[in-house]
Each structure stands twice: as structure tokens, then as C-alpha cells.
Amino acid sequence: MKRAQKSAGDATTQRRLVEVAHLYYDENFSQQDIADRLGFSRSSIAHYL
């Protein structure tokens, strides 16, 4: 993978992590609520946290 492509993917992952953490810790969403809202599995959300 090219460096620019990897950096773009890393930035996307980092933004997603920030969004998941914000919803969970600041907005008190459950892991399942976040998963449903973002279209991921609950286990993926647990992995981010």
C-alpha cells in the first residue's frame, strides 16, 4: 500500500475512533446504539473502546 493511501486510511480510522469514544463516553450511548448508528457490529465498537 502506498504511504498516502495508508495515511488516509489511518486518518479515517482515527476519526471513527474519536466519534465512537465521544458517543460512548460523552453522550452515554451504549455500544449497541453506536453500532446501530454507524453500521458496525457491537464487537467492532467494543474493539475501538
N, C-alpha and C. Protein backbone atom coordinates (compact mmCIF):
# COMPACT_ATOMS: atom_id res chain seq x y z
N MET A 1 0.85 -1.18 0.00
CA MET A 1 0.00 0.00 0.00
C MET A 1 0.89 1.24 0.00
N LYS A 2 0.50 2.21 -0.76
CA LYS A 2 1.27 3.44 -0.82
C LYS A 2 1.12 4.21 0.48
N ARG A 3 2.15 4.99 0.79
CA ARG A 3 2.15 5.74 2.05
C ARG A 3 0.95 6.70 2.14
N ALA A 4 0.61 7.40 1.07
CA ALA A 4 -0.52 8.35 1.09
C ALA A 4 -1.83 7.61 1.34
N GLN A 5 -2.00 6.44 0.73
CA GLN A 5 -3.22 5.67 0.94
C GLN A 5 -3.30 5.20 2.38
N LYS A 6 -2.18 4.74 2.93
CA LYS A 6 -2.18 4.27 4.31
C LYS A 6 -2.50 5.41 5.26
N SER A 7 -1.93 6.58 5.03
CA SER A 7 -2.20 7.73 5.88
C SER A 7 -3.67 8.12 5.84
N ALA A 8 -4.27 8.08 4.66
CA ALA A 8 -5.69 8.40 4.54
C ALA A 8 -6.53 7.40 5.31
N GLY A 9 -6.18 6.13 5.22
CA GLY A 9 -6.91 5.09 5.96
C GLY A 9 -6.74 5.26 7.46
N ASP A 10 -5.52 5.59 7.89
CA ASP A 10 -5.27 5.82 9.31
C ASP A 10 -6.07 7.00 9.83
N ALA A 11 -6.17 8.06 9.03
CA ALA A 11 -6.93 9.25 9.44
C ALA A 11 -8.40 8.91 9.57
N THR A 12 -8.92 8.11 8.65
CA THR A 12 -10.33 7.70 8.72
C THR A 12 -10.57 6.87 9.97
N THR A 13 -9.68 5.95 10.25
CA THR A 13 -9.81 5.11 11.44
C THR A 13 -9.74 5.96 12.70
N GLN A 14 -8.85 6.93 12.72
CA GLN A 14 -8.73 7.80 13.89
C GLN A 14 -9.99 8.63 14.10
N ARG A 15 -10.56 9.16 13.02
CA ARG A 15 -11.82 9.93 13.14
C ARG A 15 -12.94 9.05 13.67
N ARG A 16 -13.00 7.82 13.17
CA ARG A 16 -14.03 6.89 13.62
C ARG A 16 -13.85 6.58 15.11
N LEU A 17 -12.62 6.37 15.54
CA LEU A 17 -12.35 6.10 16.95
C LEU A 17 -12.78 7.27 17.82
N VAL A 18 -12.49 8.48 17.39
CA VAL A 18 -12.88 9.68 18.14
C VAL A 18 -14.40 9.76 18.23
N GLU A 19 -15.09 9.48 17.12
CA GLU A 19 -16.55 9.54 17.13
C GLU A 19 -17.14 8.48 18.06
N VAL A 20 -16.61 7.27 18.00
CA VAL A 20 -17.10 6.19 18.87
C VAL A 20 -16.87 6.56 20.33
N ALA A 21 -15.68 7.03 20.66
CA ALA A 21 -15.37 7.40 22.04
C ALA A 21 -16.27 8.54 22.52
N HIS A 22 -16.51 9.53 21.66
CA HIS A 22 -17.37 10.65 22.02
C HIS A 22 -18.79 10.16 22.33
N LEU A 23 -19.33 9.34 21.45
CA LEU A 23 -20.69 8.85 21.66
C LEU A 23 -20.79 8.02 22.94
N TYR A 24 -19.79 7.22 23.19
CA TYR A 24 -19.82 6.32 24.35
C TYR A 24 -19.59 7.06 25.66
N TYR A 25 -18.52 7.84 25.72
CA TYR A 25 -18.13 8.47 26.99
C TYR A 25 -18.83 9.80 27.25
N ASP A 26 -19.06 10.59 26.22
CA ASP A 26 -19.65 11.91 26.42
C ASP A 26 -21.17 11.91 26.29
N GLU A 27 -21.68 11.12 25.36
CA GLU A 27 -23.12 11.11 25.09
C GLU A 27 -23.84 9.92 25.73
N ASN A 28 -23.09 9.05 26.38
CA ASN A 28 -23.65 7.89 27.10
C ASN A 28 -24.45 6.94 26.22
N PHE A 29 -24.03 6.78 24.96
CA PHE A 29 -24.64 5.79 24.09
C PHE A 29 -24.13 4.41 24.50
N SER A 30 -24.96 3.40 24.34
CA SER A 30 -24.49 2.03 24.56
C SER A 30 -23.67 1.59 23.35
N GLN A 31 -22.89 0.54 23.53
CA GLN A 31 -22.12 0.01 22.41
C GLN A 31 -23.05 -0.41 21.27
N GLN A 32 -24.19 -1.00 21.61
CA GLN A 32 -25.13 -1.43 20.58
C GLN A 32 -25.74 -0.23 19.86
N ASP A 33 -26.06 0.83 20.60
CA ASP A 33 -26.60 2.04 19.97
C ASP A 33 -25.60 2.64 18.97
N ILE A 34 -24.33 2.66 19.36
CA ILE A 34 -23.29 3.19 18.47
C ILE A 34 -23.17 2.30 17.24
N ALA A 35 -23.16 0.99 17.45
CA ALA A 35 -23.06 0.05 16.33
C ALA A 35 -24.21 0.25 15.35
N ASP A 36 -25.41 0.37 15.87
CA ASP A 36 -26.58 0.57 15.01
C ASP A 36 -26.48 1.90 14.26
N ARG A 37 -26.06 2.93 14.94
CA ARG A 37 -25.97 4.26 14.33
C ARG A 37 -24.92 4.32 13.22
N LEU A 38 -23.78 3.65 13.44
CA LEU A 38 -22.67 3.74 12.49
C LEU A 38 -22.62 2.59 11.50
N GLY A 39 -23.44 1.57 11.72
CA GLY A 39 -23.48 0.45 10.80
C GLY A 39 -22.36 -0.56 10.99
N PHE A 40 -21.90 -0.72 12.22
CA PHE A 40 -20.87 -1.70 12.56
C PHE A 40 -21.44 -2.72 13.53
N SER A 41 -20.70 -3.79 13.75
CA SER A 41 -21.13 -4.76 14.75
C SER A 41 -20.79 -4.23 16.14
N ARG A 42 -21.49 -4.72 17.15
CA ARG A 42 -21.21 -4.31 18.51
C ARG A 42 -19.79 -4.71 18.91
N SER A 43 -19.33 -5.86 18.43
CA SER A 43 -17.97 -6.29 18.77
C SER A 43 -16.91 -5.36 18.16
N SER A 44 -17.19 -4.79 16.99
CA SER A 44 -16.27 -3.81 16.41
C SER A 44 -16.18 -2.56 17.28
N ILE A 45 -17.32 -2.13 17.79
CA ILE A 45 -17.35 -0.96 18.66
C ILE A 45 -16.58 -1.26 19.95
N ALA A 46 -16.77 -2.44 20.51
CA ALA A 46 -16.05 -2.84 21.72
C ALA A 46 -14.54 -2.82 21.46
N HIS A 47 -14.14 -3.24 20.28
CA HIS A 47 -12.72 -3.23 19.92
C HIS A 47 -12.17 -1.80 19.90
N TYR A 48 -12.92 -0.86 19.38
CA TYR A 48 -12.49 0.54 19.36
C TYR A 48 -12.31 1.08 20.78
N LEU A 49 -13.20 0.67 21.68
CA LEU A 49 -13.15 1.19 23.04
C LEU A 49 -12.10 0.47 23.85
